[in-house]
Amino acid sequence: MPNTARWAATLTLTATAVCGPLTGSALAAPTAAPATLYAPSALVLTVGHGQQAATVTPERAVTLNCAPTASGSHPDAPDACAELRAVGGDLDALSYQEGVMCTKLYNPVLVTVQGVWQGKRVDYQRTFANECVKNSYGTAVFEF
């Protein structure tokens, strides 16, 4: 057997021995998704004085990440995430706290929330009559 044929046979057998097991695993059926995967929940909340997002300059902004654990620059991320989980991420479902006394002074406060909640896009805005009224909704979510 010529020297070139010997080298070709050796390389072929080596490639088959090394790469053979790799091709079998690449063709295997996919397994169940690992338990560490989660739908992302990351929001940016802003607040400013005014009525319409187009004309309001945000005065404060915070981030809120709720998956896999509560984090971000929100001052009470764990409670805010717990409240959002309790209402399935529906910001309109956050309820007014009973017994909170606010003045009737009209100084509109606009809150915007943008991002993703459990993999779904969120684009929310709400105008409250004043800061006190804003803080009375959702106890922790809008308090920043």
C-alpha atoms as a PDB file:
ATOM      1  CA  MET A   1       0.000   0.000   0.000  1.00  0.00           C
ATOM      2  CA  PRO A   2       1.500   3.333  -0.991  1.00  0.00           C
ATOM      3  CA  ASN A   3       2.315   5.805   1.784  1.00  0.00           C
ATOM      4  CA  THR A   4      -0.412   8.278   0.686  1.00  0.00           C
ATOM      5  CA  ALA A   5      -3.095   5.576   0.842  1.00  0.00           C
ATOM      6  CA  ARG A   6      -1.938   4.578   4.347  1.00  0.00           C
ATOM      7  CA  TRP A   7      -2.242   8.174   5.580  1.00  0.00           C
ATOM      8  CA  ALA A   8      -5.667   8.558   4.004  1.00  0.00           C
ATOM      9  CA  ALA A   9      -6.892   5.341   5.648  1.00  0.00           C
ATOM     10  CA  THR A  10      -5.446   6.400   9.017  1.00  0.00           C
ATOM     11  CA  LEU A  11      -7.060   9.846   8.849  1.00  0.00           C
ATOM     12  CA  THR A  12     -10.395   8.361   7.822  1.00  0.00           C
ATOM     13  CA  LEU A  13     -10.395   5.866  10.703  1.00  0.00           C
ATOM     14  CA  THR A  14      -9.304   8.533  13.197  1.00  0.00           C
ATOM     15  CA  ALA A  15     -11.974  10.974  12.026  1.00  0.00           C
ATOM     16  CA  THR A  16     -14.612   8.250  12.252  1.00  0.00           C
ATOM     17  CA  ALA A  17     -13.525   7.270  15.769  1.00  0.00           C
ATOM     18  CA  VAL A  18     -13.388  10.866  17.035  1.00  0.00           C
ATOM     19  CA  CYS A  19     -16.340  12.442  15.206  1.00  0.00           C
ATOM     20  CA  GLY A  20     -18.654   9.429  15.047  1.00  0.00           C
ATOM     21  CA  PRO A  21     -20.019   9.803  18.586  1.00  0.00           C
ATOM     22  CA  LEU A  22     -20.572  13.531  17.995  1.00  0.00           C
ATOM     23  CA  THR A  23     -22.806  13.007  14.980  1.00  0.00           C
ATOM     24  CA  GLY A  24     -25.024  10.592  16.899  1.00  0.00           C
ATOM     25  CA  SER A  25     -25.696  13.126  19.647  1.00  0.00           C
ATOM     26  CA  ALA A  26     -26.388  15.866  17.121  1.00  0.00           C
ATOM     27  CA  LEU A  27     -29.081  13.769  15.511  1.00  0.00           C
ATOM     28  CA  ALA A  28     -30.670  12.676  18.782  1.00  0.00           C
ATOM     29  CA  ALA A  29     -34.190  13.858  19.579  1.00  0.00           C
ATOM     30  CA  PRO A  30     -34.317  17.069  21.617  1.00  0.00           C
ATOM     31  CA  THR A  31     -34.868  16.640  25.331  1.00  0.00           C
ATOM     32  CA  ALA A  32     -37.175  18.617  27.596  1.00  0.00           C
ATOM     33  CA  ALA A  33     -36.168  22.220  28.325  1.00  0.00           C
ATOM     34  CA  PRO A  34     -34.019  22.650  31.417  1.00  0.00           C
ATOM     35  CA  ALA A  35     -35.788  23.903  34.535  1.00  0.00           C
ATOM     36  CA  THR A  36     -33.580  27.016  34.581  1.00  0.00           C
ATOM     37  CA  LEU A  37     -35.304  28.614  31.595  1.00  0.00           C
ATOM     38  CA  TYR A  38     -37.876  31.291  32.399  1.00  0.00           C
ATOM     39  CA  ALA A  39     -39.883  33.891  30.554  1.00  0.00           C
ATOM     40  CA  PRO A  40     -38.220  37.282  30.971  1.00  0.00           C
ATOM     41  CA  SER A  41     -39.861  39.924  33.141  1.00  0.00           C
ATOM     42  CA  ALA A  42     -37.933  43.174  32.920  1.00  0.00           C
ATOM     43  CA  LEU A  43     -39.592  46.585  33.110  1.00  0.00           C
ATOM     44  CA  VAL A  44     -38.586  50.240  33.053  1.00  0.00           C
ATOM     45  CA  LEU A  45     -40.884  52.484  35.087  1.00  0.00           C
ATOM     46  CA  THR A  46     -40.834  56.276  34.755  1.00  0.00           C
ATOM     47  CA  VAL A  47     -42.706  59.060  36.487  1.00  0.00           C
ATOM     48  CA  GLY A  48     -43.124  62.721  35.589  1.00  0.00           C
ATOM     49  CA  HIS A  49     -45.562  65.590  36.041  1.00  0.00           C
ATOM     50  CA  GLY A  50     -48.058  66.080  33.234  1.00  0.00           C
ATOM     51  CA  GLN A  51     -50.813  64.254  31.401  1.00  0.00           C
ATOM     52  CA  GLN A  52     -49.394  62.849  28.155  1.00  0.00           C
ATOM     53  CA  ALA A  53     -46.239  60.843  27.629  1.00  0.00           C
ATOM     54  CA  ALA A  54     -45.377  62.866  24.519  1.00  0.00           C
ATOM     55  CA  THR A  55     -45.118  66.090  26.533  1.00  0.00           C
ATOM     56  CA  VAL A  56     -43.824  64.803  29.900  1.00  0.00           C
ATOM     57  CA  THR A  57     -40.142  64.647  30.693  1.00  0.00           C
ATOM     58  CA  PRO A  58     -39.500  61.741  33.091  1.00  0.00           C
ATOM     59  CA  GLU A  59     -38.279  62.939  36.476  1.00  0.00           C
ATOM     60  CA  ARG A  60     -37.391  59.491  37.790  1.00  0.00           C
ATOM     61  CA  ALA A  61     -36.857  56.108  36.203  1.00  0.00           C
ATOM     62  CA  VAL A  62     -36.245  52.690  37.733  1.00  0.00           C
ATOM     63  CA  THR A  63     -35.719  49.180  36.447  1.00  0.00           C
ATOM     64  CA  LEU A  64     -37.569  46.167  37.759  1.00  0.00           C
ATOM     65  CA  ASN A  65     -36.531  42.608  36.918  1.00  0.00           C
ATOM     66  CA  CYS A  66     -38.776  39.891  38.301  1.00  0.00           C
ATOM     67  CA  ALA A  67     -37.377  36.709  36.773  1.00  0.00           C
ATOM     68  CA  PRO A  68     -35.656  34.649  37.953  1.00  0.00           C
ATOM     69  CA  THR A  69     -35.446  36.792  41.106  1.00  0.00           C
ATOM     70  CA  ALA A  70     -36.483  40.325  41.985  1.00  0.00           C
ATOM     71  CA  SER A  71     -33.785  42.891  41.225  1.00  0.00           C
ATOM     72  CA  GLY A  72     -33.199  46.254  39.602  1.00  0.00           C
ATOM     73  CA  SER A  73     -33.032  49.840  40.788  1.00  0.00           C
ATOM     74  CA  HIS A  74     -36.626  49.829  42.091  1.00  0.00           C
ATOM     75  CA  PRO A  75     -36.450  50.629  45.832  1.00  0.00           C
ATOM     76  CA  ASP A  76     -38.707  47.686  46.780  1.00  0.00           C
ATOM     77  CA  ALA A  77     -38.207  45.184  43.967  1.00  0.00           C
ATOM     78  CA  PRO A  78     -39.291  42.034  45.887  1.00  0.00           C
ATOM     79  CA  ASP A  79     -42.657  43.505  46.959  1.00  0.00           C
ATOM     80  CA  ALA A  80     -43.266  45.130  43.560  1.00  0.00           C
ATOM     81  CA  CYS A  81     -42.634  41.816  41.794  1.00  0.00           C
ATOM     82  CA  ALA A  82     -44.888  39.980  44.253  1.00  0.00           C
ATOM     83  CA  GLU A  83     -47.707  42.459  43.570  1.00  0.00           C
ATOM     84  CA  LEU A  84     -47.284  42.129  39.808  1.00  0.00           C
ATOM     85  CA  ARG A  85     -47.272  38.331  40.041  1.00  0.00           C
ATOM     86  CA  ALA A  86     -50.473  38.464  42.124  1.00  0.00           C
ATOM     87  CA  VAL A  87     -52.294  40.324  39.320  1.00  0.00           C
ATOM     88  CA  GLY A  88     -50.651  38.406  36.476  1.00  0.00           C
ATOM     89  CA  GLY A  89     -48.730  41.492  35.343  1.00  0.00           C
ATOM     90  CA  ASP A  90     -51.951  43.455  34.706  1.00  0.00           C
ATOM     91  CA  LEU A  91     -51.026  46.956  35.888  1.00  0.00           C
ATOM     92  CA  ASP A  92     -54.650  48.102  35.642  1.00  0.00           C
ATOM     93  CA  ALA A  93     -55.577  45.444  38.205  1.00  0.00           C
ATOM     94  CA  LEU A  94     -53.425  47.008  40.939  1.00  0.00           C
ATOM     95  CA  SER A  95     -55.900  48.179  43.511  1.00  0.00           C
ATOM     96  CA  TYR A  96     -56.305  51.343  45.505  1.00  0.00           C
ATOM     97  CA  GLN A  97     -55.362  51.080  49.184  1.00  0.00           C
ATOM     98  CA  GLU A  98     -58.316  51.666  51.453  1.00  0.00           C
ATOM     99  CA  GLY A  99     -57.962  54.345  54.102  1.00  0.00           C
ATOM    100  CA  VAL A 100     -55.445  56.530  52.258  1.00  0.00           C
ATOM    101  CA  MET A 101     -56.344  60.198  52.528  1.00  0.00           C
ATOM    102  CA  CYS A 102     -55.195  62.406  49.622  1.00  0.00           C
ATOM    103  CA  THR A 103     -55.871  66.043  48.864  1.00  0.00           C
ATOM    104  CA  LYS A 104     -57.934  67.005  45.840  1.00  0.00           C
ATOM    105  CA  LEU A 105     -55.119  69.172  44.498  1.00  0.00           C
ATOM    106  CA  TYR A 106     -54.802  68.427  40.780  1.00  0.00           C
ATOM    107  CA  ASN A 107     -51.139  68.103  39.883  1.00  0.00           C
ATOM    108  CA  PRO A 108     -51.132  65.259  37.325  1.00  0.00           C
ATOM    109  CA  VAL A 109     -48.472  62.584  37.590  1.00  0.00           C
ATOM    110  CA  LEU A 110     -47.825  60.291  34.633  1.00  0.00           C
ATOM    111  CA  VAL A 111     -46.416  56.807  35.152  1.00  0.00           C
ATOM    112  CA  THR A 112     -45.142  54.776  32.196  1.00  0.00           C
ATOM    113  CA  VAL A 113     -44.085  51.146  32.210  1.00  0.00           C
ATOM    114  CA  GLN A 114     -42.314  49.577  29.260  1.00  0.00           C
ATOM    115  CA  GLY A 115     -40.584  46.268  28.814  1.00  0.00           C
ATOM    116  CA  VAL A 116     -41.513  42.609  28.979  1.00  0.00           C
ATOM    117  CA  TRP A 117     -43.651  40.710  31.498  1.00  0.00           C
ATOM    118  CA  GLN A 118     -43.340  36.914  31.288  1.00  0.00           C
ATOM    119  CA  GLY A 119     -42.289  37.174  27.665  1.00  0.00           C
ATOM    120  CA  LYS A 120     -45.081  39.556  26.590  1.00  0.00           C
ATOM    121  CA  ARG A 121     -44.480  43.166  25.567  1.00  0.00           C
ATOM    122  CA  VAL A 122     -45.697  45.825  28.035  1.00  0.00           C
ATOM    123  CA  ASP A 123     -46.424  49.431  27.067  1.00  0.00           C
ATOM    124  CA  TYR A 124     -48.478  51.081  29.808  1.00  0.00           C
ATOM    125  CA  GLN A 125     -49.182  54.635  30.908  1.00  0.00           C
ATOM    126  CA  ARG A 126     -51.499  56.067  33.511  1.00  0.00           C
ATOM    127  CA  THR A 127     -52.147  59.588  34.759  1.00  0.00           C
ATOM    128  CA  PHE A 128     -52.889  60.044  38.453  1.00  0.00           C
ATOM    129  CA  ALA A 129     -54.415  63.209  39.938  1.00  0.00           C
ATOM    130  CA  ASN A 130     -51.364  63.782  42.169  1.00  0.00           C
ATOM    131  CA  GLU A 131     -48.406  62.028  43.802  1.00  0.00           C
ATOM    132  CA  CYS A 132     -50.457  60.842  46.780  1.00  0.00           C
ATOM    133  CA  VAL A 133     -53.014  59.134  44.555  1.00  0.00           C
ATOM    134  CA  LYS A 134     -50.213  57.484  42.570  1.00  0.00           C
ATOM    135  CA  ASN A 135     -48.631  56.116  45.730  1.00  0.00           C
ATOM    136  CA  SER A 136     -51.945  54.715  46.920  1.00  0.00           C
ATOM    137  CA  TYR A 137     -52.126  52.254  43.990  1.00  0.00           C
ATOM    138  CA  GLY A 138     -50.298  48.970  44.106  1.00  0.00           C
ATOM    139  CA  THR A 139     -48.518  49.843  47.366  1.00  0.00           C
ATOM    140  CA  ALA A 140     -45.002  49.080  46.040  1.00  0.00           C
ATOM    141  CA  VAL A 141     -45.051  49.020  42.240  1.00  0.00           C
ATOM    142  CA  PHE A 142     -45.547  52.761  41.700  1.00  0.00           C
ATOM    143  CA  GLU A 143     -43.615  53.922  44.783  1.00  0.00           C
ATOM    144  CA  PHE A 144     -40.245  54.997  43.465  1.00  0.00           C
END
